[in-house]
């Protein structure tokens, strides 16, 4: 499965080990926030001025190397 920008932040963190660190490196620190259950990667990235495509690319690199 590929991570896409329309997946929720919580969904990605729950399914793919190591993705929390990717979110944090990109400046998206809301991985533990209750909103992460409802907010998509794209929504979070846009709200924080983060390049969503670069974030998704990095998330997929980590996810492909380590699955939960």
C-alpha atoms as a PDB file:
ATOM      1  CA  UNK A   1       0.000   0.000   0.000  1.00  0.00           C
ATOM      2  CA  UNK A   2       1.223   3.458  -0.844  1.00  0.00           C
ATOM      3  CA  UNK A   3       0.770   6.403   1.477  1.00  0.00           C
ATOM      4  CA  UNK A   4      -1.285   9.143  -0.147  1.00  0.00           C
ATOM      5  CA  UNK A   5      -2.010  12.715   0.876  1.00  0.00           C
ATOM      6  CA  UNK A   6      -5.669  11.907   1.520  1.00  0.00           C
ATOM      7  CA  UNK A   7      -4.868   9.404   4.308  1.00  0.00           C
ATOM      8  CA  UNK A   8      -5.235  10.592   7.891  1.00  0.00           C
ATOM      9  CA  UNK A   9      -2.115  11.286   9.889  1.00  0.00           C
ATOM     10  CA  UNK A  10      -3.196   8.816  12.576  1.00  0.00           C
ATOM     11  CA  UNK A  11      -3.786   6.088   9.983  1.00  0.00           C
ATOM     12  CA  UNK A  12      -0.251   6.413   8.638  1.00  0.00           C
ATOM     13  CA  UNK A  13       1.388   6.526  12.069  1.00  0.00           C
ATOM     14  CA  UNK A  14      -0.573   3.451  13.175  1.00  0.00           C
ATOM     15  CA  UNK A  15       0.284   1.402  10.087  1.00  0.00           C
ATOM     16  CA  UNK A  16       3.889   2.385   9.382  1.00  0.00           C
ATOM     17  CA  UNK A  17       6.675   2.339  11.944  1.00  0.00           C
ATOM     18  CA  UNK A  18       9.030   5.292  11.759  1.00  0.00           C
ATOM     19  CA  UNK A  19       6.612   7.689  10.103  1.00  0.00           C
ATOM     20  CA  UNK A  20       6.181   9.765  13.264  1.00  0.00           C
ATOM     21  CA  UNK A  21       9.780  10.911  12.882  1.00  0.00           C
ATOM     22  CA  UNK A  22       9.140  11.905   9.262  1.00  0.00           C
ATOM     23  CA  UNK A  23       6.183  14.074  10.229  1.00  0.00           C
ATOM     24  CA  UNK A  24       8.259  15.744  12.950  1.00  0.00           C
ATOM     25  CA  UNK A  25      11.251  16.323  10.644  1.00  0.00           C
ATOM     26  CA  UNK A  26       8.957  18.106   8.216  1.00  0.00           C
ATOM     27  CA  UNK A  27       7.541  20.308  10.987  1.00  0.00           C
ATOM     28  CA  UNK A  28       4.203  18.556  11.388  1.00  0.00           C
ATOM     29  CA  UNK A  29       4.174  17.977  15.139  1.00  0.00           C
ATOM     30  CA  UNK A  30       0.482  17.124  15.481  1.00  0.00           C
ATOM     31  CA  UNK A  31       1.006  13.362  15.194  1.00  0.00           C
ATOM     32  CA  UNK A  32      -0.153  12.905  18.790  1.00  0.00           C
ATOM     33  CA  UNK A  33      -2.922  15.462  18.627  1.00  0.00           C
ATOM     34  CA  UNK A  34      -6.557  14.284  18.674  1.00  0.00           C
ATOM     35  CA  UNK A  35      -7.079  16.077  15.337  1.00  0.00           C
ATOM     36  CA  UNK A  36      -4.672  13.645  13.647  1.00  0.00           C
ATOM     37  CA  UNK A  37      -7.457  11.045  13.658  1.00  0.00           C
ATOM     38  CA  UNK A  38      -9.490  13.217  11.288  1.00  0.00           C
ATOM     39  CA  UNK A  39      -6.941  15.413   9.516  1.00  0.00           C
ATOM     40  CA  UNK A  40      -5.433  14.199   6.274  1.00  0.00           C
ATOM     41  CA  UNK A  41      -1.757  14.562   5.499  1.00  0.00           C
ATOM     42  CA  UNK A  42      -2.622  17.217   2.930  1.00  0.00           C
ATOM     43  CA  UNK A  43      -4.763  19.225   5.361  1.00  0.00           C
ATOM     44  CA  UNK A  44      -2.066  19.127   8.031  1.00  0.00           C
ATOM     45  CA  UNK A  45       0.678  20.050   5.596  1.00  0.00           C
ATOM     46  CA  UNK A  46      -1.284  22.958   4.147  1.00  0.00           C
ATOM     47  CA  UNK A  47      -2.193  24.264   7.610  1.00  0.00           C
ATOM     48  CA  UNK A  48       1.484  24.296   8.605  1.00  0.00           C
ATOM     49  CA  UNK A  49       2.979  25.499   5.306  1.00  0.00           C
ATOM     50  CA  UNK A  50       4.656  22.168   4.562  1.00  0.00           C
ATOM     51  CA  UNK A  51       5.345  20.805   1.072  1.00  0.00           C
ATOM     52  CA  UNK A  52       2.862  17.917   0.943  1.00  0.00           C
ATOM     53  CA  UNK A  53       4.518  16.136  -1.981  1.00  0.00           C
ATOM     54  CA  UNK A  54       7.930  16.081  -0.288  1.00  0.00           C
ATOM     55  CA  UNK A  55       6.316  14.870   2.938  1.00  0.00           C
ATOM     56  CA  UNK A  56       4.426  12.047   1.200  1.00  0.00           C
ATOM     57  CA  UNK A  57       7.569  11.017  -0.699  1.00  0.00           C
ATOM     58  CA  UNK A  58       9.550  10.762   2.539  1.00  0.00           C
ATOM     59  CA  UNK A  59       6.726   8.903   4.277  1.00  0.00           C
ATOM     60  CA  UNK A  60       6.640   6.341   1.471  1.00  0.00           C
ATOM     61  CA  UNK A  61      10.404   5.847   1.632  1.00  0.00           C
ATOM     62  CA  UNK A  62      10.157   4.985   5.320  1.00  0.00           C
ATOM     63  CA  UNK A  63       6.992   2.916   4.921  1.00  0.00           C
ATOM     64  CA  UNK A  64       8.481   0.797   2.147  1.00  0.00           C
ATOM     65  CA  UNK A  65      11.475  -0.063   4.302  1.00  0.00           C
ATOM     66  CA  UNK A  66       9.572  -0.751   7.552  1.00  0.00           C
ATOM     67  CA  UNK A  67       6.025  -1.986   7.897  1.00  0.00           C
ATOM     68  CA  UNK A  68       4.263  -2.610  11.186  1.00  0.00           C
END
